[in-house]
Structure formats: structure tokens, C-alpha cells
Amino acid sequence: MSIREVLGRNLRLKRQELSLSQEELASRAKVDRTYISAIERGVYGVTIDILDRIATGLGVEASDLLKR
């Protein structure tokens, strides 16, 4: 499994665990909803700054989203 797939899977699982929509998370992270969708599908990689904003929006450490 690639790191993009790991990130996408962990992001989706945590977002769903918190009952957040992609739109709600995107708003918290100040990114577009379609970007969240693409990350979850493993289409896009992210910069470390975006990863930090998404993790903050989820209330987790960025490293938690990268654990295999």
C-alpha cells in the first residue's frame, strides 16, 4: 500500500469516526471539498502544511494519519 493510500484510508476512517462530512473537514482545514475527496482516493499527495491543517481539523497529530 502506498503512502498516499495509507493517508487516504486513515483520513477517511478518522473523518467517519468523527461523523464529519468531507465538506465539514474541508472547511476546518481551509481546503476545497474535492481536494479532501481526492486525498481519500489516493489521487493527490499533500504538502506537510496541508497535512497539518487536515490533522488539526480532525484533532489528531499529522503522524497519526501516516501510520501504516
PDB file of N, CA and C in Angstrom:
ATOM      1  N   MET A   1       0.862  -1.176   0.000  1.00  0.00           N
ATOM      2  CA  MET A   1       0.000   0.000   0.000  1.00  0.00           C
ATOM      3  C   MET A   1       0.906   1.236   0.000  1.00  0.00           C
ATOM      4  N   SER A   2       0.640   2.148  -0.912  1.00  0.00           N
ATOM      5  CA  SER A   2       1.448   3.371  -0.999  1.00  0.00           C
ATOM      6  C   SER A   2       1.101   4.318   0.148  1.00  0.00           C
ATOM      7  N   ILE A   3       1.982   5.259   0.400  1.00  0.00           N
ATOM      8  CA  ILE A   3       1.743   6.226   1.479  1.00  0.00           C
ATOM      9  C   ILE A   3       0.504   7.072   1.187  1.00  0.00           C
ATOM     10  N   ARG A   4       0.242   7.328  -0.100  1.00  0.00           N
ATOM     11  CA  ARG A   4      -0.991   8.064  -0.445  1.00  0.00           C
ATOM     12  C   ARG A   4      -2.221   7.260  -0.064  1.00  0.00           C
ATOM     13  N   GLU A   5      -2.173   5.961  -0.312  1.00  0.00           N
ATOM     14  CA  GLU A   5      -3.303   5.101   0.047  1.00  0.00           C
ATOM     15  C   GLU A   5      -3.461   5.013   1.562  1.00  0.00           C
ATOM     16  N   VAL A   6      -2.353   4.938   2.273  1.00  0.00           N
ATOM     17  CA  VAL A   6      -2.386   4.910   3.741  1.00  0.00           C
ATOM     18  C   VAL A   6      -3.020   6.193   4.271  1.00  0.00           C
ATOM     19  N   LEU A   7      -2.557   7.328   3.764  1.00  0.00           N
ATOM     20  CA  LEU A   7      -3.116   8.616   4.183  1.00  0.00           C
ATOM     21  C   LEU A   7      -4.606   8.677   3.879  1.00  0.00           C
ATOM     22  N   GLY A   8      -4.982   8.303   2.678  1.00  0.00           N
ATOM     23  CA  GLY A   8      -6.395   8.353   2.286  1.00  0.00           C
ATOM     24  C   GLY A   8      -7.275   7.489   3.165  1.00  0.00           C
ATOM     25  N   ARG A   9      -6.809   6.271   3.435  1.00  0.00           N
ATOM     26  CA  ARG A   9      -7.578   5.344   4.275  1.00  0.00           C
ATOM     27  C   ARG A   9      -7.717   5.891   5.690  1.00  0.00           C
ATOM     28  N   ASN A  10      -6.595   6.321   6.280  1.00  0.00           N
ATOM     29  CA  ASN A  10      -6.636   6.840   7.649  1.00  0.00           C
ATOM     30  C   ASN A  10      -7.481   8.104   7.752  1.00  0.00           C
ATOM     31  N   LEU A  11      -7.377   8.955   6.767  1.00  0.00           N
ATOM     32  CA  LEU A  11      -8.171  10.189   6.746  1.00  0.00           C
ATOM     33  C   LEU A  11      -9.655   9.864   6.707  1.00  0.00           C
ATOM     34  N   ARG A  12     -10.056   8.983   5.791  1.00  0.00           N
ATOM     35  CA  ARG A  12     -11.474   8.622   5.676  1.00  0.00           C
ATOM     36  C   ARG A  12     -11.979   7.978   6.972  1.00  0.00           C
ATOM     37  N   LEU A  13     -11.208   7.046   7.530  1.00  0.00           N
ATOM     38  CA  LEU A  13     -11.648   6.372   8.752  1.00  0.00           C
ATOM     39  C   LEU A  13     -11.821   7.347   9.914  1.00  0.00           C
ATOM     40  N   LYS A  14     -10.862   8.229  10.101  1.00  0.00           N
ATOM     41  CA  LYS A  14     -10.951   9.198  11.200  1.00  0.00           C
ATOM     42  C   LYS A  14     -12.103  10.180  10.974  1.00  0.00           C
ATOM     43  N   ARG A  15     -12.259  10.634   9.726  1.00  0.00           N
ATOM     44  CA  ARG A  15     -13.342  11.570   9.414  1.00  0.00           C
ATOM     45  C   ARG A  15     -14.697  10.926   9.696  1.00  0.00           C
ATOM     46  N   GLN A  16     -14.849   9.673   9.284  1.00  0.00           N
ATOM     47  CA  GLN A  16     -16.116   8.975   9.512  1.00  0.00           C
ATOM     48  C   GLN A  16     -16.330   8.681  10.997  1.00  0.00           C
ATOM     49  N   GLU A  17     -15.263   8.365  11.700  1.00  0.00           N
ATOM     50  CA  GLU A  17     -15.341   8.131  13.144  1.00  0.00           C
ATOM     51  C   GLU A  17     -15.886   9.362  13.861  1.00  0.00           C
ATOM     52  N   LEU A  18     -15.521  10.533  13.371  1.00  0.00           N
ATOM     53  CA  LEU A  18     -15.970  11.796  13.963  1.00  0.00           C
ATOM     54  C   LEU A  18     -17.291  12.289  13.373  1.00  0.00           C
ATOM     55  N   SER A  19     -17.850  11.503  12.456  1.00  0.00           N
ATOM     56  CA  SER A  19     -19.111  11.858  11.772  1.00  0.00           C
ATOM     57  C   SER A  19     -19.018  13.203  11.068  1.00  0.00           C
ATOM     58  N   LEU A  20     -17.872  13.454  10.451  1.00  0.00           N
ATOM     59  CA  LEU A  20     -17.674  14.676   9.686  1.00  0.00           C
ATOM     60  C   LEU A  20     -17.857  14.396   8.205  1.00  0.00           C
ATOM     61  N   SER A  21     -18.506  15.294   7.510  1.00  0.00           N
ATOM     62  CA  SER A  21     -18.583  15.184   6.057  1.00  0.00           C
ATOM     63  C   SER A  21     -17.273  15.708   5.472  1.00  0.00           C
ATOM     64  N   GLN A  22     -17.041  15.377   4.215  1.00  0.00           N
ATOM     65  CA  GLN A  22     -15.862  15.925   3.541  1.00  0.00           C
ATOM     66  C   GLN A  22     -15.932  17.448   3.538  1.00  0.00           C
ATOM     67  N   GLU A  23     -17.110  17.980   3.353  1.00  0.00           N
ATOM     68  CA  GLU A  23     -17.287  19.426   3.327  1.00  0.00           C
ATOM     69  C   GLU A  23     -16.943  20.066   4.672  1.00  0.00           C
ATOM     70  N   GLU A  24     -17.379  19.446   5.762  1.00  0.00           N
ATOM     71  CA  GLU A  24     -17.079  19.980   7.093  1.00  0.00           C
ATOM     72  C   GLU A  24     -15.570  19.967   7.366  1.00  0.00           C
ATOM     73  N   LEU A  25     -14.927  18.863   7.012  1.00  0.00           N
ATOM     74  CA  LEU A  25     -13.490  18.779   7.219  1.00  0.00           C
ATOM     75  C   LEU A  25     -12.764  19.787   6.342  1.00  0.00           C
ATOM     76  N   ALA A  26     -13.188  19.910   5.109  1.00  0.00           N
ATOM     77  CA  ALA A  26     -12.568  20.868   4.194  1.00  0.00           C
ATOM     78  C   ALA A  26     -12.661  22.284   4.749  1.00  0.00           C
ATOM     79  N   SER A  27     -13.796  22.616   5.321  1.00  0.00           N
ATOM     80  CA  SER A  27     -13.975  23.936   5.918  1.00  0.00           C
ATOM     81  C   SER A  27     -13.012  24.141   7.089  1.00  0.00           C
ATOM     82  N   ARG A  28     -12.879  23.137   7.934  1.00  0.00           N
ATOM     83  CA  ARG A  28     -11.964  23.233   9.076  1.00  0.00           C
ATOM     84  C   ARG A  28     -10.513  23.387   8.625  1.00  0.00           C
ATOM     85  N   ALA A  29     -10.159  22.683   7.534  1.00  0.00           N
ATOM     86  CA  ALA A  29      -8.774  22.691   7.057  1.00  0.00           C
ATOM     87  C   ALA A  29      -8.512  23.796   6.039  1.00  0.00           C
ATOM     88  N   LYS A  30      -9.564  24.512   5.673  1.00  0.00           N
ATOM     89  CA  LYS A  30      -9.457  25.602   4.698  1.00  0.00           C
ATOM     90  C   LYS A  30      -8.917  25.116   3.350  1.00  0.00           C
ATOM     91  N   VAL A  31      -9.521  24.000   2.887  1.00  0.00           N
ATOM     92  CA  VAL A  31      -9.244  23.478   1.548  1.00  0.00           C
ATOM     93  C   VAL A  31     -10.584  23.169   0.889  1.00  0.00           C
ATOM     94  N   ASP A  32     -10.557  22.877  -0.395  1.00  0.00           N
ATOM     95  CA  ASP A  32     -11.772  22.552  -1.125  1.00  0.00           C
ATOM     96  C   ASP A  32     -12.218  21.125  -0.803  1.00  0.00           C
ATOM     97  N   ARG A  33     -13.519  20.883  -0.804  1.00  0.00           N
ATOM     98  CA  ARG A  33     -14.049  19.552  -0.532  1.00  0.00           C
ATOM     99  C   ARG A  33     -13.538  18.524  -1.533  1.00  0.00           C
ATOM    100  N   THR A  34     -13.409  18.927  -2.796  1.00  0.00           N
ATOM    101  CA  THR A  34     -12.934  17.990  -3.810  1.00  0.00           C
ATOM    102  C   THR A  34     -11.494  17.570  -3.546  1.00  0.00           C
ATOM    103  N   TYR A  35     -10.729  18.418  -2.874  1.00  0.00           N
ATOM    104  CA  TYR A  35      -9.356  18.092  -2.515  1.00  0.00           C
ATOM    105  C   TYR A  35      -9.347  16.991  -1.453  1.00  0.00           C
ATOM    106  N   ILE A  36     -10.229  17.095  -0.463  1.00  0.00           N
ATOM    107  CA  ILE A  36     -10.355  16.058   0.566  1.00  0.00           C
ATOM    108  C   ILE A  36     -10.728  14.738  -0.105  1.00  0.00           C
ATOM    109  N   SER A  37     -11.664  14.773  -1.016  1.00  0.00           N
ATOM    110  CA  SER A  37     -12.082  13.578  -1.732  1.00  0.00           C
ATOM    111  C   SER A  37     -10.916  12.949  -2.487  1.00  0.00           C
ATOM    112  N   ALA A  38     -10.146  13.765  -3.182  1.00  0.00           N
ATOM    113  CA  ALA A  38      -9.014  13.267  -3.958  1.00  0.00           C
ATOM    114  C   ALA A  38      -7.933  12.677  -3.054  1.00  0.00           C
ATOM    115  N   ILE A  39      -7.720  13.265  -1.905  1.00  0.00           N
ATOM    116  CA  ILE A  39      -6.738  12.723  -0.955  1.00  0.00           C
ATOM    117  C   ILE A  39      -7.211  11.357  -0.463  1.00  0.00           C
ATOM    118  N   GLU A  40      -8.476  11.260  -0.114  1.00  0.00           N
ATOM    119  CA  GLU A  40      -9.022   9.999   0.377  1.00  0.00           C
ATOM    120  C   GLU A  40      -8.933   8.897  -0.679  1.00  0.00           C
ATOM    121  N   ARG A  41      -9.036   9.249  -1.932  1.00  0.00           N
ATOM    122  CA  ARG A  41      -8.948   8.269  -3.021  1.00  0.00           C
ATOM    123  C   ARG A  41      -7.511   7.997  -3.453  1.00  0.00           C
ATOM    124  N   GLY A  42      -6.556   8.705  -2.851  1.00  0.00           N
ATOM    125  CA  GLY A  42      -5.157   8.497  -3.193  1.00  0.00           C
ATOM    126  C   GLY A  42      -4.729   9.138  -4.493  1.00  0.00           C
ATOM    127  N   VAL A  43      -5.535  10.062  -4.997  1.00  0.00           N
ATOM    128  CA  VAL A  43      -5.232  10.739  -6.261  1.00  0.00           C
ATOM    129  C   VAL A  43      -4.157  11.802  -6.067  1.00  0.00           C
ATOM    130  N   TYR A  44      -4.255  12.554  -4.973  1.00  0.00           N
ATOM    131  CA  TYR A  44      -3.309  13.632  -4.701  1.00  0.00           C
ATOM    132  C   TYR A  44      -2.463  13.316  -3.479  1.00  0.00           C
ATOM    133  N   GLY A  45      -1.213  13.741  -3.533  1.00  0.00           N
ATOM    134  CA  GLY A  45      -0.384  13.803  -2.352  1.00  0.00           C
ATOM    135  C   GLY A  45      -0.631  15.171  -1.719  1.00  0.00           C
ATOM    136  N   VAL A  46      -0.100  15.378  -0.547  1.00  0.00           N
ATOM    137  CA  VAL A  46      -0.315  16.660   0.124  1.00  0.00           C
ATOM    138  C   VAL A  46       1.010  17.220   0.609  1.00  0.00           C
ATOM    139  N   THR A  47       1.045  18.528   0.765  1.00  0.00           N
ATOM    140  CA  THR A  47       2.214  19.148   1.388  1.00  0.00           C
ATOM    141  C   THR A  47       2.111  18.931   2.891  1.00  0.00           C
ATOM    142  N   ILE A  48       3.204  19.123   3.560  1.00  0.00           N
ATOM    143  CA  ILE A  48       3.217  18.953   5.005  1.00  0.00           C
ATOM    144  C   ILE A  48       2.320  19.991   5.681  1.00  0.00           C
ATOM    145  N   ASP A  49       2.220  21.174   5.093  1.00  0.00           N
ATOM    146  CA  ASP A  49       1.356  22.219   5.658  1.00  0.00           C
ATOM    147  C   ASP A  49      -0.114  21.825   5.561  1.00  0.00           C
ATOM    148  N   ILE A  50      -0.519  21.275   4.419  1.00  0.00           N
ATOM    149  CA  ILE A  50      -1.908  20.838   4.248  1.00  0.00           C
ATOM    150  C   ILE A  50      -2.196  19.664   5.175  1.00  0.00           C
ATOM    151  N   LEU A  51      -1.254  18.733   5.270  1.00  0.00           N
ATOM    152  CA  LEU A  51      -1.425  17.593   6.168  1.00  0.00           C
ATOM    153  C   LEU A  51      -1.648  18.078   7.598  1.00  0.00           C
ATOM    154  N   ASP A  52      -0.892  19.071   8.018  1.00  0.00           N
ATOM    155  CA  ASP A  52      -1.041  19.620   9.366  1.00  0.00           C
ATOM    156  C   ASP A  52      -2.414  20.259   9.550  1.00  0.00           C
ATOM    157  N   ARG A  53      -2.883  20.996   8.559  1.00  0.00           N
ATOM    158  CA  ARG A  53      -4.211  21.631   8.666  1.00  0.00           C
ATOM    159  C   ARG A  53      -5.327  20.588   8.734  1.00  0.00           C
ATOM    160  N   ILE A  54      -5.196  19.523   7.939  1.00  0.00           N
ATOM    161  CA  ILE A  54      -6.206  18.460   7.968  1.00  0.00           C
ATOM    162  C   ILE A  54      -6.176  17.755   9.320  1.00  0.00           C
ATOM    163  N   ALA A  55      -4.981  17.431   9.807  1.00  0.00           N
ATOM    164  CA  ALA A  55      -4.856  16.765  11.102  1.00  0.00           C
ATOM    165  C   ALA A  55      -5.441  17.635  12.217  1.00  0.00           C
ATOM    166  N   THR A  56      -5.147  18.909  12.180  1.00  0.00           N
ATOM    167  CA  THR A  56      -5.707  19.827  13.172  1.00  0.00           C
ATOM    168  C   THR A  56      -7.231  19.834  13.099  1.00  0.00           C
ATOM    169  N   GLY A  57      -7.770  19.837  11.888  1.00  0.00           N
ATOM    170  CA  GLY A  57      -9.223  19.792  11.701  1.00  0.00           C
ATOM    171  C   GLY A  57      -9.846  18.530  12.263  1.00  0.00           C
ATOM    172  N   LEU A  58      -9.078  17.444  12.273  1.00  0.00           N
ATOM    173  CA  LEU A  58      -9.558  16.172  12.820  1.00  0.00           C
ATOM    174  C   LEU A  58      -9.231  16.022  14.302  1.00  0.00           C
ATOM    175  N   GLY A  59      -8.372  16.900  14.819  1.00  0.00           N
ATOM    176  CA  GLY A  59      -7.978  16.816  16.220  1.00  0.00           C
ATOM    177  C   GLY A  59      -6.979  15.704  16.499  1.00  0.00           C
ATOM    178  N   VAL A  60      -6.135  15.395  15.501  1.00  0.00           N
ATOM    179  CA  VAL A  60      -5.111  14.352  15.664  1.00  0.00           C
ATOM    180  C   VAL A  60      -3.756  14.909  15.261  1.00  0.00           C
ATOM    181  N   GLU A  61      -2.706  14.156  15.536  1.00  0.00           N
ATOM    182  CA  GLU A  61      -1.367  14.508  15.077  1.00  0.00           C
ATOM    183  C   GLU A  61      -1.236  14.101  13.614  1.00  0.00           C
ATOM    184  N   ALA A  62      -0.494  14.865  12.850  1.00  0.00           N
ATOM    185  CA  ALA A  62      -0.291  14.546  11.436  1.00  0.00           C
ATOM    186  C   ALA A  62       0.298  13.160  11.270  1.00  0.00           C
ATOM    187  N   SER A  63       1.188  12.777  12.156  1.00  0.00           N
ATOM    188  CA  SER A  63       1.818  11.452  12.067  1.00  0.00           C
ATOM    189  C   SER A  63       0.805  10.321  12.193  1.00  0.00           C
ATOM    190  N   ASP A  64      -0.297  10.555  12.912  1.00  0.00           N
ATOM    191  CA  ASP A  64      -1.324   9.527  13.054  1.00  0.00           C
ATOM    192  C   ASP A  64      -1.957   9.181  11.705  1.00  0.00           C
ATOM    193  N   LEU A  65      -2.013  10.141  10.809  1.00  0.00           N
ATOM    194  CA  LEU A  65      -2.636   9.918   9.508  1.00  0.00           C
ATOM    195  C   LEU A  65      -1.713   9.160   8.555  1.00  0.00           C
ATOM    196  N   LEU A  66      -0.451   9.023   8.923  1.00  0.00           N
ATOM    197  CA  LEU A  66       0.520   8.364   8.052  1.00  0.00           C
ATOM    198  C   LEU A  66       0.914   6.970   8.538  1.00  0.00           C
ATOM    199  N   LYS A  67       0.336   6.522   9.627  1.00  0.00           N
ATOM    200  CA  LYS A  67       0.691   5.208  10.176  1.00  0.00           C
ATOM    201  C   LYS A  67       0.100   4.102   9.327  1.00  0.00           C
ATOM    202  N   ARG A  68       0.966   3.161   8.951  1.00  0.00           N
ATOM    203  CA  ARG A  68       0.519   2.004   8.146  1.00  0.00           C
ATOM    204  C   ARG A  68      -0.270   1.034   9.003  1.00  0.00           C
TER     205      ARG A  68
END
